Each structure stands twice: as structure tokens, then as C-alpha cells.
């Protein structure tokens, strides 16, 4: 398990459990770690991997609130290091963290009991520096931007722009190891959010997804087009009074993924989320 350079002084580690991508951005006086994995043990492994690359003090960034991107916060923030995240992500971790923790424990206990026990042992630590729409973080001789373009994978997704390296860290707004995840998503708004992300890119931009290998702009455009197709199917199906299963059968994703997405989209249209 090691970091691979994807741009000048920008490194990505793909952690084997859930194939989570962690990004490390080096400045002159500090280093940004984007996403912190799922547990204390994983975070310690991540810290060891970071220290093979740099001894710099760390600034943490959570792309969103989900456990596999934020439950390593407590370990990596030891010594009072700052944690950045969107205000909605911070609020969810602060107000609903214990409930989510129990949910994920029960979810993984039957199939991944070791991971479930690790999740149960975490002290959930929310971001203490929050983003509304945009914030800049100075790493010393290098500035990164934290940008919220709207709701998509969750209500609190942020994108990390490393403009001088032509790298965008997209979190789970982009997925390359599998289909997008819609459990907390806003399928009708996701395409517009991804469109805003695409406006930051050039043909040479490297996009780091939340899970899976880094991709290029063409991959992101293709995923945007699938999400746009899905959103229109949901709107048309809602207007026709079609059942969720019938709408999902036409969607460009596998049936379980599509059905979750359709149910979330219908809830958006009905004002239930």
C-alpha cells in the first residue's frame, strides 16, 4: 500500500478495503490529506504511508461525511490538526454520527465482522473548519481550493482543486471502481453539480474519484451523461405515475443501484428529502 504521484507533488493511495482513494497534496509548510478512511487501524496505516512521502504537518479534508472518508479523522488529527469539510457534512457527523455508526456496524457485521468492530470503536470527529461554497487552504507556497457546487452524492460534497497540478479530487461525485452510490444522493441535482465540476477541467485534468483509479475528463463526461439520462427518466416516470421498478428498469445502471436512485429521485420530486 503506497502513494502514486498523479501530478506534481500530488499523490494518490488506493486503500484495498472498499477501494477508497486518498489524496496527498504537498506544500512547503504543510500537506493536505483528502479523506481519512474508515477506522483507527486504517488511519494509522494511512499515517504510516504518508510518512514515507513527507514529514510535513497535516491538514485534513473530508470530501463528504460517509464513514469510509471521515472515520479516520480522530487519529490523523492528533495534536490538534485542522479538519475541513462542508458545513452539511460537519453537521451530519456532529448530530447523526452515532446513529450512522450503529447503522454501518449492523450493515457490515454479517459479512465483514472485523470491519464492523473497527467501525464501532471509532470516536467520530467532525470537521472543525467548514465550507459553505468555497474556501482556500494555504499549504505554504501552494493554495488548494475547496468547492461545493451543490448536492449530488450527498448534501455536503466538496471538490478539492489543485489548479497548479491540473488535479481535481472529486470524492464520490465520481466513481470509477463501480457505479455511483445513491443511498444519500440527490439524483436530480447530481448532473448539474457534476457539470459545474467539468467547467473546471481541461483535457489534461486528472480527476481522482472517491473509489477506484484516477480518470480523465472523458470518463467524467460519460458519467455525467448517465446521471442526466437517469434524472430525465425519473422526471418522466414521476409525471406518468410509473412505479419505481418500471423506471429503474430503463436506467443506465444495474437494477439495485438504479432502484435506489429512482426512489431517492422520486422522494426529491415529492418533497420528502
Protein backbone atom coordinates (compact mmCIF):
# COMPACT_ATOMS: atom_id res chain seq x y z
CA UNK A 1 0.00 0.00 0.00
CA UNK A 2 1.71 3.16 -1.20
CA UNK A 3 1.09 6.55 -2.78
CA UNK A 4 1.45 7.10 -6.53
CA UNK A 5 2.16 10.55 -7.95
CA UNK A 6 -0.63 11.73 -10.30
CA UNK A 7 0.53 15.34 -10.64
CA UNK A 8 3.41 17.49 -9.38
CA UNK A 9 3.62 16.77 -5.62
CA UNK A 10 0.11 15.28 -5.66
CA UNK A 11 -0.14 11.62 -4.67
CA UNK A 12 -2.98 9.09 -4.50
CA UNK A 13 -3.26 5.93 -2.42
CA UNK A 14 -5.92 3.34 -3.19
CA UNK A 15 -6.76 1.58 0.04
CA UNK A 16 -7.77 -2.04 -0.63
CA UNK A 17 -10.79 -2.10 1.72
CA UNK A 18 -13.64 -0.60 -0.37
CA UNK A 19 -11.02 0.71 -2.85
CA UNK A 20 -11.08 4.19 -1.30
CA UNK A 21 -8.82 6.81 -2.89
CA UNK A 22 -6.87 9.07 -0.53
CA UNK A 23 -5.08 12.11 -1.97
CA UNK A 24 -1.98 13.76 -0.51
CA UNK A 25 -1.08 17.28 -1.66
CA UNK A 26 2.29 18.69 -0.62
CA UNK A 27 3.04 22.34 0.04
CA UNK A 28 6.15 23.89 1.54
CA UNK A 29 4.93 24.02 5.14
CA UNK A 30 2.07 21.51 5.32
CA UNK A 31 0.39 18.68 3.44
CA UNK A 32 -3.32 18.18 2.77
CA UNK A 33 -4.79 14.70 3.22
CA UNK A 34 -8.08 14.36 1.39
CA UNK A 35 -10.23 11.69 3.09
CA UNK A 36 -9.14 9.62 6.06
CA UNK A 37 -10.55 6.06 5.62
CA UNK A 38 -12.84 4.03 7.88
CA UNK A 39 -11.26 3.26 11.24
CA UNK A 40 -8.46 3.93 13.70
CA UNK A 41 -6.43 0.99 12.36
CA UNK A 42 -6.82 2.08 8.77
CA UNK A 43 -5.93 5.67 9.69
CA UNK A 44 -2.73 4.51 11.41
CA UNK A 45 -1.78 2.55 8.29
CA UNK A 46 -2.53 5.63 6.22
CA UNK A 47 -0.41 7.81 8.52
CA UNK A 48 2.50 5.39 8.12
CA UNK A 49 2.14 5.56 4.33
CA UNK A 50 2.02 9.37 4.45
CA UNK A 51 5.23 9.45 6.46
CA UNK A 52 7.06 7.55 3.73
CA UNK A 53 6.30 10.53 1.47
CA UNK A 54 6.53 13.58 3.76
CA UNK A 55 7.18 14.64 7.37
CA UNK A 56 5.07 17.80 6.96
CA UNK A 57 2.25 18.61 9.41
CA UNK A 58 -1.14 17.59 8.06
CA UNK A 59 -4.33 19.43 7.15
CA UNK A 60 -7.29 17.08 6.72
CA UNK A 61 -10.14 17.40 4.24
CA UNK A 62 -13.29 15.26 4.11
CA UNK A 63 -14.97 15.24 0.70
CA UNK A 64 -18.21 14.21 2.45
CA UNK A 65 -19.44 12.65 5.69
CA UNK A 66 -19.51 8.94 4.84
CA UNK A 67 -17.60 6.66 7.20
CA UNK A 68 -15.03 5.49 4.65
CA UNK A 69 -13.98 9.11 4.05
CA UNK A 70 -14.10 10.54 7.56
CA UNK A 71 -13.81 7.94 10.34
CA UNK A 72 -10.01 8.22 10.35
CA UNK A 73 -10.25 11.88 11.39
CA UNK A 74 -9.55 11.34 15.09
CA UNK A 75 -6.23 9.56 14.55
CA UNK A 76 -4.91 11.80 11.77
CA UNK A 77 -5.93 14.99 13.59
CA UNK A 78 -3.98 14.07 16.74
CA UNK A 79 -2.18 17.11 18.06
CA UNK A 80 -4.97 19.45 17.01
CA UNK A 81 -4.57 19.35 13.26
CA UNK A 82 -7.43 21.09 11.36
CA UNK A 83 -10.17 19.16 9.61
CA UNK A 84 -12.00 20.80 6.69
CA UNK A 85 -15.38 19.73 5.30
CA UNK A 86 -18.65 21.09 4.05
CA UNK A 87 -20.95 22.53 6.71
CA UNK A 88 -23.60 19.89 5.97
CA UNK A 89 -21.07 17.08 6.33
CA UNK A 90 -19.86 18.52 9.63
CA UNK A 91 -23.43 18.84 10.87
CA UNK A 92 -24.28 15.26 9.94
CA UNK A 93 -21.21 13.86 11.67
CA UNK A 94 -21.90 16.01 14.73
CA UNK A 95 -25.64 15.39 15.06
CA UNK A 96 -26.12 11.96 13.49
CA UNK A 97 -22.67 10.42 13.84
CA UNK A 98 -23.59 7.84 16.48
CA UNK A 99 -26.72 6.79 14.59
CA UNK A 100 -24.76 6.38 11.36
CA UNK A 101 -22.07 4.46 13.22
CA UNK A 102 -24.64 1.96 14.51
CA UNK A 103 -26.13 1.66 11.02
CA UNK A 104 -22.80 0.81 9.43
CA UNK A 105 -21.93 -1.59 12.25
CA UNK A 106 -25.16 -3.51 11.64
CA UNK A 107 -24.64 -3.37 7.86
CA UNK A 108 -21.16 -4.89 7.92
CA UNK A 109 -21.48 -7.22 10.91
CA UNK A 110 -22.90 -10.21 8.94
CA UNK A 111 -20.34 -10.11 6.12
CA UNK A 112 -17.32 -8.16 7.44
CA UNK A 113 -17.34 -8.59 11.24
CA UNK A 114 -13.80 -7.30 11.73
CA UNK A 115 -14.59 -4.08 9.89
CA UNK A 116 -17.85 -3.75 11.83
CA UNK A 117 -15.99 -3.96 15.15
CA UNK A 118 -13.49 -1.34 13.97
CA UNK A 119 -16.31 0.99 12.96
CA UNK A 120 -17.99 0.57 16.35
CA UNK A 121 -14.76 1.56 18.13
CA UNK A 122 -14.28 4.85 16.29
CA UNK A 123 -14.74 8.19 18.01
CA UNK A 124 -16.50 10.20 15.28
CA UNK A 125 -14.79 13.57 14.85
CA UNK A 126 -16.49 16.11 12.55
CA UNK A 127 -14.69 18.85 10.63
CA UNK A 128 -13.86 21.92 12.69
CA UNK A 129 -13.29 24.16 9.64
CA UNK A 130 -16.30 24.33 7.33
CA UNK A 131 -17.01 25.29 3.74
CA UNK A 132 -20.24 26.85 2.52
CA UNK A 133 -19.46 27.39 -1.16
CA UNK A 134 -15.73 27.98 -1.37
CA UNK A 135 -12.62 28.16 0.79
CA UNK A 136 -8.89 28.33 0.15
CA UNK A 137 -6.28 26.48 2.19
CA UNK A 138 -2.67 27.66 2.13
CA UNK A 139 -0.17 24.81 2.31
CA UNK A 140 2.78 27.17 2.08
CA UNK A 141 3.70 28.21 -1.45
CA UNK A 142 0.65 26.35 -2.73
CA UNK A 143 -3.05 27.04 -2.36
CA UNK A 144 -5.82 24.49 -2.81
CA UNK A 145 -9.49 25.35 -3.26
CA UNK A 146 -12.36 23.56 -1.57
CA UNK A 147 -15.53 23.94 -3.64
CA UNK A 148 -19.17 22.98 -3.08
CA UNK A 149 -21.17 23.02 -6.32
CA UNK A 150 -24.43 21.68 -4.92
CA UNK A 151 -25.96 18.42 -3.83
CA UNK A 152 -25.11 15.17 -5.55
CA UNK A 153 -23.76 12.05 -3.87
CA UNK A 154 -24.72 13.71 -0.56
CA UNK A 155 -25.84 17.16 0.55
CA UNK A 156 -22.29 18.06 1.56
CA UNK A 157 -19.88 17.09 -1.23
CA UNK A 158 -16.79 19.19 -1.79
CA UNK A 159 -14.29 19.08 -4.62
CA UNK A 160 -10.61 19.82 -3.99
CA UNK A 161 -8.95 21.74 -6.82
CA UNK A 162 -5.15 21.62 -7.10
CA UNK A 163 -5.03 24.03 -10.01
CA UNK A 164 -1.25 24.21 -10.38
CA UNK A 165 -1.14 20.44 -10.89
CA UNK A 166 -4.31 20.12 -13.03
CA UNK A 167 -5.78 17.72 -10.47
CA UNK A 168 -9.34 17.65 -9.14
CA UNK A 169 -10.27 15.45 -6.20
CA UNK A 170 -13.95 14.68 -6.71
CA UNK A 171 -14.80 12.37 -3.83
CA UNK A 172 -17.81 10.18 -4.55
CA UNK A 173 -19.26 12.64 -7.04
CA UNK A 174 -17.24 10.47 -9.44
CA UNK A 175 -16.82 6.70 -9.13
CA UNK A 176 -14.52 4.54 -11.27
CA UNK A 177 -14.50 1.22 -9.39
CA UNK A 178 -18.25 0.75 -9.67
CA UNK A 179 -21.49 2.63 -10.28
CA UNK A 180 -22.33 5.80 -8.36
CA UNK A 181 -23.79 5.26 -4.90
CA UNK A 182 -27.24 6.74 -4.30
CA UNK A 183 -28.05 5.90 -0.66
CA UNK A 184 -27.88 9.55 0.47
CA UNK A 185 -27.93 11.05 -3.02
CA UNK A 186 -29.89 13.71 -4.86
CA UNK A 187 -30.10 12.16 -8.35
CA UNK A 188 -31.97 15.09 -9.91
CA UNK A 189 -29.33 17.60 -8.80
CA UNK A 190 -26.23 15.44 -9.28
CA UNK A 191 -25.86 16.12 -13.04
CA UNK A 192 -25.80 19.89 -12.53
CA UNK A 193 -23.23 19.54 -9.75
CA UNK A 194 -21.03 17.38 -11.97
CA UNK A 195 -21.46 19.85 -14.83
CA UNK A 196 -20.02 22.60 -12.60
CA UNK A 197 -17.07 20.34 -11.80
CA UNK A 198 -16.49 19.76 -15.51
CA UNK A 199 -16.25 23.52 -16.08
CA UNK A 200 -13.02 23.46 -14.03
CA UNK A 201 -11.35 20.88 -16.24
CA UNK A 202 -9.10 20.92 -19.25
CA UNK A 203 -8.31 17.93 -21.48
CA UNK A 204 -5.22 17.31 -19.31
CA UNK A 205 -7.02 17.35 -15.95
CA UNK A 206 -6.61 14.31 -13.72
CA UNK A 207 -9.77 13.57 -11.70
CA UNK A 208 -9.41 11.50 -8.53
CA UNK A 209 -12.67 9.66 -7.73
CA UNK A 210 -13.75 8.58 -4.29
CA UNK A 211 -13.22 4.93 -5.20
CA UNK A 212 -11.09 3.46 -7.94
CA UNK A 213 -8.28 4.67 -10.20
CA UNK A 214 -7.80 8.26 -11.31
CA UNK A 215 -9.62 9.11 -14.55
CA UNK A 216 -9.68 11.71 -17.28
CA UNK A 217 -12.30 14.22 -18.31
CA UNK A 218 -13.92 11.91 -20.87
CA UNK A 219 -14.79 9.43 -18.11
CA UNK A 220 -16.41 12.16 -16.03
CA UNK A 221 -18.42 13.39 -19.03
CA UNK A 222 -19.68 9.86 -19.67
CA UNK A 223 -20.76 9.50 -16.03
CA UNK A 224 -22.43 12.93 -16.22
CA UNK A 225 -24.38 11.77 -19.28
CA UNK A 226 -25.56 8.62 -17.48
CA UNK A 227 -26.69 10.67 -14.49
CA UNK A 228 -28.50 13.10 -16.79
CA UNK A 229 -30.30 10.22 -18.52
CA UNK A 230 -31.28 8.84 -15.13
CA UNK A 231 -32.64 12.20 -13.94
CA UNK A 232 -34.86 12.58 -17.01
CA UNK A 233 -36.16 9.03 -16.67
CA UNK A 234 -37.14 9.77 -13.06
CA UNK A 235 -38.88 13.01 -14.00
CA UNK A 236 -40.77 11.40 -16.89
CA UNK A 237 -41.71 8.37 -14.81
CA UNK A 238 -42.95 10.57 -11.99
CA UNK A 239 -45.09 12.57 -14.42
CA UNK A 240 -46.57 9.35 -15.80
CA UNK A 241 -47.19 7.85 -12.36
CA UNK A 242 -44.93 4.89 -13.18
CA UNK A 243 -43.78 2.62 -10.33
CA UNK A 244 -40.16 2.92 -9.24
CA UNK A 245 -39.35 -0.57 -10.51
CA UNK A 246 -40.52 0.27 -14.03
CA UNK A 247 -38.45 3.45 -14.11
CA UNK A 248 -35.38 1.66 -12.76
CA UNK A 249 -35.63 -1.00 -15.48
CA UNK A 250 -34.83 1.70 -18.07
CA UNK A 251 -31.95 3.28 -16.16
CA UNK A 252 -28.29 3.02 -17.25
CA UNK A 253 -27.19 1.29 -14.02
CA UNK A 254 -27.56 -2.19 -12.55
CA UNK A 255 -31.03 -2.90 -11.10
CA UNK A 256 -30.28 -2.50 -7.34
CA UNK A 257 -28.34 0.73 -7.93
CA UNK A 258 -30.98 2.09 -10.28
CA UNK A 259 -33.86 1.31 -7.92
CA UNK A 260 -32.16 3.12 -5.02
CA UNK A 261 -31.53 6.08 -7.31
CA UNK A 262 -35.10 6.19 -8.58
CA UNK A 263 -36.58 6.04 -5.10
CA UNK A 264 -34.35 8.91 -3.99
CA UNK A 265 -35.26 10.93 -7.10
CA UNK A 266 -38.98 10.39 -6.58
CA UNK A 267 -38.56 11.49 -2.98
CA UNK A 268 -36.94 14.70 -4.26
CA UNK A 269 -39.87 15.37 -6.56
CA UNK A 270 -42.38 14.68 -3.78
CA UNK A 271 -40.56 16.97 -1.35
CA UNK A 272 -39.74 14.13 1.05
CA UNK A 273 -35.99 14.88 1.04
